[in-house]
Amino acid sequence: MPPLHPISRTALIRKLKNSGFAGPYSATRHQYMEKGSQRIFIPNPHGQDIGVPLIKQIIKQLEIDRETFLEL
């Protein structure tokens, strides 16, 4: 199983768009992307990459495996 590495916010948005999500849309505190009734909140941009623990949470919400996420 290939290891996960921190990724930029724009790379995460690109992966979600490749997966069929639309957005990002503004919400109260964070932006989100949606696909049908599924909604994924995007971390705020602070000039740093998104860490592995948060990427793991997003993968779990997407209900896909790690390899599929890395291929997006």
PDB file of N, CA and C in Angstrom:
ATOM      1  N   MET A   1       0.847  -1.167   0.000  1.00  0.00           N
ATOM      2  CA  MET A   1       0.000   0.000   0.000  1.00  0.00           C
ATOM      3  C   MET A   1       0.901   1.241   0.000  1.00  0.00           C
ATOM      4  N   PRO A   2       0.740   2.128  -0.989  1.00  0.00           N
ATOM      5  CA  PRO A   2       1.585   3.316  -1.050  1.00  0.00           C
ATOM      6  C   PRO A   2       1.296   4.265   0.111  1.00  0.00           C
ATOM      7  N   PRO A   3       2.333   4.917   0.623  1.00  0.00           N
ATOM      8  CA  PRO A   3       2.124   5.831   1.743  1.00  0.00           C
ATOM      9  C   PRO A   3       1.453   7.135   1.303  1.00  0.00           C
ATOM     10  N   LEU A   4       0.753   7.739   2.232  1.00  0.00           N
ATOM     11  CA  LEU A   4       0.157   9.055   1.988  1.00  0.00           C
ATOM     12  C   LEU A   4       1.157  10.125   2.366  1.00  0.00           C
ATOM     13  N   HIS A   5       1.115  11.224   1.648  1.00  0.00           N
ATOM     14  CA  HIS A   5       1.966  12.374   1.938  1.00  0.00           C
ATOM     15  C   HIS A   5       1.073  13.611   2.024  1.00  0.00           C
ATOM     16  N   PRO A   6       1.503  14.633   2.750  1.00  0.00           N
ATOM     17  CA  PRO A   6       0.729  15.880   2.767  1.00  0.00           C
ATOM     18  C   PRO A   6       0.568  16.422   1.344  1.00  0.00           C
ATOM     19  N   ILE A   7      -0.601  17.017   1.063  1.00  0.00           N
ATOM     20  CA  ILE A   7      -0.853  17.597  -0.254  1.00  0.00           C
ATOM     21  C   ILE A   7      -1.380  19.012  -0.086  1.00  0.00           C
ATOM     22  N   SER A   8      -1.272  19.784  -1.142  1.00  0.00           N
ATOM     23  CA  SER A   8      -1.768  21.158  -1.091  1.00  0.00           C
ATOM     24  C   SER A   8      -3.293  21.167  -1.192  1.00  0.00           C
ATOM     25  N   ARG A   9      -3.870  22.271  -0.813  1.00  0.00           N
ATOM     26  CA  ARG A   9      -5.329  22.432  -0.871  1.00  0.00           C
ATOM     27  C   ARG A   9      -5.812  22.365  -2.312  1.00  0.00           C
ATOM     28  N   THR A  10      -5.057  22.974  -3.238  1.00  0.00           N
ATOM     29  CA  THR A  10      -5.460  22.939  -4.644  1.00  0.00           C
ATOM     30  C   THR A  10      -5.393  21.520  -5.201  1.00  0.00           C
ATOM     31  N   ALA A  11      -4.420  20.725  -4.759  1.00  0.00           N
ATOM     32  CA  ALA A  11      -4.333  19.331  -5.210  1.00  0.00           C
ATOM     33  C   ALA A  11      -5.530  18.534  -4.680  1.00  0.00           C
ATOM     34  N   LEU A  12      -5.946  18.795  -3.439  1.00  0.00           N
ATOM     35  CA  LEU A  12      -7.117  18.112  -2.880  1.00  0.00           C
ATOM     36  C   LEU A  12      -8.372  18.475  -3.664  1.00  0.00           C
ATOM     37  N   ILE A  13      -8.546  19.748  -3.977  1.00  0.00           N
ATOM     38  CA  ILE A  13      -9.710  20.191  -4.749  1.00  0.00           C
ATOM     39  C   ILE A  13      -9.695  19.540  -6.126  1.00  0.00           C
ATOM     40  N   ARG A  14      -8.537  19.446  -6.757  1.00  0.00           N
ATOM     41  CA  ARG A  14      -8.418  18.814  -8.071  1.00  0.00           C
ATOM     42  C   ARG A  14      -8.818  17.339  -7.998  1.00  0.00           C
ATOM     43  N   LYS A  15      -8.362  16.640  -6.954  1.00  0.00           N
ATOM     44  CA  LYS A  15      -8.712  15.229  -6.787  1.00  0.00           C
ATOM     45  C   LYS A  15     -10.222  15.059  -6.595  1.00  0.00           C
ATOM     46  N   LEU A  16     -10.820  15.931  -5.802  1.00  0.00           N
ATOM     47  CA  LEU A  16     -12.260  15.841  -5.576  1.00  0.00           C
ATOM     48  C   LEU A  16     -13.041  16.137  -6.859  1.00  0.00           C
ATOM     49  N   LYS A  17     -12.577  17.096  -7.648  1.00  0.00           N
ATOM     50  CA  LYS A  17     -13.242  17.386  -8.925  1.00  0.00           C
ATOM     51  C   LYS A  17     -13.110  16.206  -9.872  1.00  0.00           C
ATOM     52  N   ASN A  18     -11.951  15.548  -9.879  1.00  0.00           N
ATOM     53  CA  ASN A  18     -11.766  14.360 -10.715  1.00  0.00           C
ATOM     54  C   ASN A  18     -12.693  13.233 -10.281  1.00  0.00           C
ATOM     55  N   SER A  19     -13.079  13.255  -9.015  1.00  0.00           N
ATOM     56  CA  SER A  19     -13.971  12.244  -8.470  1.00  0.00           C
ATOM     57  C   SER A  19     -15.450  12.580  -8.711  1.00  0.00           C
ATOM     58  N   GLY A  20     -15.728  13.744  -9.294  1.00  0.00           N
ATOM     59  CA  GLY A  20     -17.102  14.111  -9.613  1.00  0.00           C
ATOM     60  C   GLY A  20     -17.725  15.142  -8.699  1.00  0.00           C
ATOM     61  N   PHE A  21     -16.959  15.715  -7.785  1.00  0.00           N
ATOM     62  CA  PHE A  21     -17.484  16.731  -6.878  1.00  0.00           C
ATOM     63  C   PHE A  21     -17.511  18.085  -7.562  1.00  0.00           C
ATOM     64  N   ALA A  22     -18.472  18.913  -7.180  1.00  0.00           N
ATOM     65  CA  ALA A  22     -18.601  20.277  -7.689  1.00  0.00           C
ATOM     66  C   ALA A  22     -18.244  21.249  -6.568  1.00  0.00           C
ATOM     67  N   GLY A  23     -17.758  22.403  -6.938  1.00  0.00           N
ATOM     68  CA  GLY A  23     -17.425  23.411  -5.937  1.00  0.00           C
ATOM     69  C   GLY A  23     -15.985  23.859  -6.100  1.00  0.00           C
ATOM     70  N   PRO A  24     -15.428  24.442  -5.107  1.00  0.00           N
ATOM     71  CA  PRO A  24     -15.878  24.621  -3.733  1.00  0.00           C
ATOM     72  C   PRO A  24     -16.875  25.770  -3.584  1.00  0.00           C
ATOM     73  N   TYR A  25     -17.775  25.586  -2.624  1.00  0.00           N
ATOM     74  CA  TYR A  25     -18.785  26.572  -2.283  1.00  0.00           C
ATOM     75  C   TYR A  25     -18.490  27.114  -0.888  1.00  0.00           C
ATOM     76  N   SER A  26     -18.886  28.350  -0.642  1.00  0.00           N
ATOM     77  CA  SER A  26     -18.656  28.965   0.660  1.00  0.00           C
ATOM     78  C   SER A  26     -19.732  28.534   1.650  1.00  0.00           C
ATOM     79  N   ALA A  27     -19.285  28.286   2.872  1.00  0.00           N
ATOM     80  CA  ALA A  27     -20.187  27.984   3.979  1.00  0.00           C
ATOM     81  C   ALA A  27     -19.838  28.961   5.100  1.00  0.00           C
ATOM     82  N   THR A  28     -20.291  28.680   6.298  1.00  0.00           N
ATOM     83  CA  THR A  28     -20.055  29.595   7.408  1.00  0.00           C
ATOM     84  C   THR A  28     -18.580  29.725   7.744  1.00  0.00           C
ATOM     85  N   ARG A  29     -17.910  28.598   7.975  1.00  0.00           N
ATOM     86  CA  ARG A  29     -16.508  28.643   8.382  1.00  0.00           C
ATOM     87  C   ARG A  29     -15.555  28.045   7.351  1.00  0.00           C
ATOM     88  N   HIS A  30     -15.995  27.039   6.646  1.00  0.00           N
ATOM     89  CA  HIS A  30     -15.155  26.353   5.678  1.00  0.00           C
ATOM     90  C   HIS A  30     -15.883  26.255   4.350  1.00  0.00           C
ATOM     91  N   GLN A  31     -15.106  26.107   3.291  1.00  0.00           N
ATOM     92  CA  GLN A  31     -15.699  25.817   2.001  1.00  0.00           C
ATOM     93  C   GLN A  31     -15.996  24.329   1.941  1.00  0.00           C
ATOM     94  N   TYR A  32     -16.890  23.943   1.051  1.00  0.00           N
ATOM     95  CA  TYR A  32     -17.224  22.538   0.890  1.00  0.00           C
ATOM     96  C   TYR A  32     -17.406  22.224  -0.583  1.00  0.00           C
ATOM     97  N   MET A  33     -17.360  20.938  -0.889  1.00  0.00           N
ATOM     98  CA  MET A  33     -17.631  20.454  -2.230  1.00  0.00           C
ATOM     99  C   MET A  33     -18.707  19.385  -2.094  1.00  0.00           C
ATOM    100  N   GLU A  34     -19.535  19.246  -3.129  1.00  0.00           N
ATOM    101  CA  GLU A  34     -20.595  18.261  -3.026  1.00  0.00           C
ATOM    102  C   GLU A  34     -20.756  17.467  -4.306  1.00  0.00           C
ATOM    103  N   LYS A  35     -21.261  16.257  -4.099  1.00  0.00           N
ATOM    104  CA  LYS A  35     -21.540  15.314  -5.184  1.00  0.00           C
ATOM    105  C   LYS A  35     -22.830  14.617  -4.796  1.00  0.00           C
ATOM    106  N   GLY A  36     -23.922  15.001  -5.446  1.00  0.00           N
ATOM    107  CA  GLY A  36     -25.233  14.487  -5.054  1.00  0.00           C
ATOM    108  C   GLY A  36     -25.569  14.996  -3.657  1.00  0.00           C
ATOM    109  N   SER A  37     -25.842  14.097  -2.735  1.00  0.00           N
ATOM    110  CA  SER A  37     -26.148  14.498  -1.363  1.00  0.00           C
ATOM    111  C   SER A  37     -24.924  14.445  -0.454  1.00  0.00           C
ATOM    112  N   GLN A  38     -23.778  14.027  -0.994  1.00  0.00           N
ATOM    113  CA  GLN A  38     -22.549  13.933  -0.198  1.00  0.00           C
ATOM    114  C   GLN A  38     -21.838  15.289  -0.177  1.00  0.00           C
ATOM    115  N   ARG A  39     -21.412  15.706   0.998  1.00  0.00           N
ATOM    116  CA  ARG A  39     -20.754  16.995   1.169  1.00  0.00           C
ATOM    117  C   ARG A  39     -19.440  16.784   1.925  1.00  0.00           C
ATOM    118  N   ILE A  40     -18.348  17.310   1.368  1.00  0.00           N
ATOM    119  CA  ILE A  40     -17.023  17.214   1.974  1.00  0.00           C
ATOM    120  C   ILE A  40     -16.538  18.631   2.255  1.00  0.00           C
ATOM    121  N   PHE A  41     -16.187  18.897   3.503  1.00  0.00           N
ATOM    122  CA  PHE A  41     -15.659  20.213   3.860  1.00  0.00           C
ATOM    123  C   PHE A  41     -14.162  20.264   3.580  1.00  0.00           C
ATOM    124  N   ILE A  42     -13.728  21.398   3.050  1.00  0.00           N
ATOM    125  CA  ILE A  42     -12.339  21.607   2.644  1.00  0.00           C
ATOM    126  C   ILE A  42     -11.641  22.448   3.709  1.00  0.00           C
ATOM    127  N   PRO A  43     -10.445  22.057   4.137  1.00  0.00           N
ATOM    128  CA  PRO A  43      -9.715  22.869   5.119  1.00  0.00           C
ATOM    129  C   PRO A  43      -9.412  24.267   4.569  1.00  0.00           C
ATOM    130  N   ASN A  44      -9.380  25.241   5.465  1.00  0.00           N
ATOM    131  CA  ASN A  44      -9.065  26.609   5.073  1.00  0.00           C
ATOM    132  C   ASN A  44      -7.618  26.713   4.614  1.00  0.00           C
ATOM    133  N   PRO A  45      -7.353  27.584   3.645  1.00  0.00           N
ATOM    134  CA  PRO A  45      -5.971  27.753   3.180  1.00  0.00           C
ATOM    135  C   PRO A  45      -5.170  28.593   4.170  1.00  0.00           C
ATOM    136  N   HIS A  46      -4.095  28.040   4.643  1.00  0.00           N
ATOM    137  CA  HIS A  46      -3.209  28.769   5.552  1.00  0.00           C
ATOM    138  C   HIS A  46      -1.770  28.710   5.069  1.00  0.00           C
ATOM    139  N   GLY A  47      -1.579  28.422   3.797  1.00  0.00           N
ATOM    140  CA  GLY A  47      -0.244  28.387   3.235  1.00  0.00           C
ATOM    141  C   GLY A  47       0.518  27.111   3.529  1.00  0.00           C
ATOM    142  N   GLN A  48      -0.144  26.147   4.168  1.00  0.00           N
ATOM    143  CA  GLN A  48       0.528  24.886   4.468  1.00  0.00           C
ATOM    144  C   GLN A  48      -0.222  23.756   3.791  1.00  0.00           C
ATOM    145  N   ASP A  49       0.480  22.636   3.631  1.00  0.00           N
ATOM    146  CA  ASP A  49      -0.157  21.463   3.054  1.00  0.00           C
ATOM    147  C   ASP A  49      -1.105  20.827   4.051  1.00  0.00           C
ATOM    148  N   ILE A  50      -2.039  20.050   3.532  1.00  0.00           N
ATOM    149  CA  ILE A  50      -2.994  19.323   4.362  1.00  0.00           C
ATOM    150  C   ILE A  50      -2.308  18.059   4.849  1.00  0.00           C
ATOM    151  N   GLY A  51      -2.327  17.838   6.135  1.00  0.00           N
ATOM    152  CA  GLY A  51      -1.610  16.726   6.744  1.00  0.00           C
ATOM    153  C   GLY A  51      -2.273  15.378   6.506  1.00  0.00           C
ATOM    154  N   VAL A  52      -1.499  14.329   6.737  1.00  0.00           N
ATOM    155  CA  VAL A  52      -1.948  12.957   6.515  1.00  0.00           C
ATOM    156  C   VAL A  52      -3.169  12.588   7.366  1.00  0.00           C
ATOM    157  N   PRO A  53      -3.241  12.949   8.660  1.00  0.00           N
ATOM    158  CA  PRO A  53      -4.441  12.572   9.430  1.00  0.00           C
ATOM    159  C   PRO A  53      -5.739  13.132   8.834  1.00  0.00           C
ATOM    160  N   LEU A  54      -5.703  14.364   8.362  1.00  0.00           N
ATOM    161  CA  LEU A  54      -6.896  14.962   7.760  1.00  0.00           C
ATOM    162  C   LEU A  54      -7.210  14.322   6.406  1.00  0.00           C
ATOM    163  N   ILE A  55      -6.178  13.973   5.654  1.00  0.00           N
ATOM    164  CA  ILE A  55      -6.395  13.280   4.381  1.00  0.00           C
ATOM    165  C   ILE A  55      -7.066  11.927   4.632  1.00  0.00           C
ATOM    166  N   LYS A  56      -6.643  11.224   5.688  1.00  0.00           N
ATOM    167  CA  LYS A  56      -7.256   9.940   6.031  1.00  0.00           C
ATOM    168  C   LYS A  56      -8.734  10.119   6.368  1.00  0.00           C
ATOM    169  N   GLN A  57      -9.081  11.190   7.074  1.00  0.00           N
ATOM    170  CA  GLN A  57     -10.483  11.451   7.400  1.00  0.00           C
ATOM    171  C   GLN A  57     -11.297  11.711   6.132  1.00  0.00           C
ATOM    172  N   ILE A  58     -10.725  12.448   5.202  1.00  0.00           N
ATOM    173  CA  ILE A  58     -11.412  12.764   3.953  1.00  0.00           C
ATOM    174  C   ILE A  58     -11.619  11.488   3.135  1.00  0.00           C
ATOM    175  N   ILE A  59     -10.602  10.624   3.080  1.00  0.00           N
ATOM    176  CA  ILE A  59     -10.722   9.356   2.358  1.00  0.00           C
ATOM    177  C   ILE A  59     -11.837   8.512   2.974  1.00  0.00           C
ATOM    178  N   LYS A  60     -11.921   8.514   4.297  1.00  0.00           N
ATOM    179  CA  LYS A  60     -12.971   7.755   4.976  1.00  0.00           C
ATOM    180  C   LYS A  60     -14.350   8.316   4.626  1.00  0.00           C
ATOM    181  N   GLN A  61     -14.484   9.639   4.583  1.00  0.00           N
ATOM    182  CA  GLN A  61     -15.757  10.262   4.218  1.00  0.00           C
ATOM    183  C   GLN A  61     -16.130   9.946   2.771  1.00  0.00           C
ATOM    184  N   LEU A  62     -15.126   9.862   1.903  1.00  0.00           N
ATOM    185  CA  LEU A  62     -15.382   9.561   0.496  1.00  0.00           C
ATOM    186  C   LEU A  62     -15.759   8.097   0.282  1.00  0.00           C
ATOM    187  N   GLU A  63     -15.469   7.259   1.272  1.00  0.00           N
ATOM    188  CA  GLU A  63     -15.733   5.825   1.205  1.00  0.00           C
ATOM    189  C   GLU A  63     -15.006   5.178   0.030  1.00  0.00           C
ATOM    190  N   ILE A  64     -13.734   5.541  -0.138  1.00  0.00           N
ATOM    191  CA  ILE A  64     -12.873   4.926  -1.143  1.00  0.00           C
ATOM    192  C   ILE A  64     -11.616   4.432  -0.449  1.00  0.00           C
ATOM    193  N   ASP A  65     -10.818   3.662  -1.155  1.00  0.00           N
ATOM    194  CA  ASP A  65      -9.565   3.204  -0.555  1.00  0.00           C
ATOM    195  C   ASP A  65      -8.433   4.162  -0.912  1.00  0.00           C
ATOM    196  N   ARG A  66      -7.310   3.961  -0.261  1.00  0.00           N
ATOM    197  CA  ARG A  66      -6.154   4.854  -0.405  1.00  0.00           C
ATOM    198  C   ARG A  66      -5.643   4.872  -1.852  1.00  0.00           C
ATOM    199  N   GLU A  67      -5.575   3.711  -2.490  1.00  0.00           N
ATOM    200  CA  GLU A  67      -5.057   3.641  -3.866  1.00  0.00           C
ATOM    201  C   GLU A  67      -5.927   4.438  -4.827  1.00  0.00           C
ATOM    202  N   THR A  68      -7.237   4.336  -4.651  1.00  0.00           N
ATOM    203  CA  THR A  68      -8.156   5.091  -5.501  1.00  0.00           C
ATOM    204  C   THR A  68      -7.957   6.586  -5.310  1.00  0.00           C
ATOM    205  N   PHE A  69      -7.778   7.014  -4.069  1.00  0.00           N
ATOM    206  CA  PHE A  69      -7.558   8.431  -3.798  1.00  0.00           C
ATOM    207  C   PHE A  69      -6.268   8.919  -4.454  1.00  0.00           C
ATOM    208  N   LEU A  70      -5.217   8.123  -4.378  1.00  0.00           N
ATOM    209  CA  LEU A  70      -3.942   8.534  -4.956  1.00  0.00           C
ATOM    210  C   LEU A  70      -3.989   8.590  -6.478  1.00  0.00           C
ATOM    211  N   GLU A  71      -4.876   7.799  -7.101  1.00  0.00           N
ATOM    212  CA  GLU A  71      -5.004   7.795  -8.556  1.00  0.00           C
ATOM    213  C   GLU A  71      -5.831   8.959  -9.087  1.00  0.00           C
ATOM    214  N   LEU A  72      -6.627   9.593  -8.247  1.00  0.00           N
ATOM    215  CA  LEU A  72      -7.493  10.692  -8.720  1.00  0.00           C
ATOM    216  C   LEU A  72      -6.682  11.858  -9.221  1.00  0.00           C
TER     217      LEU A  72
END
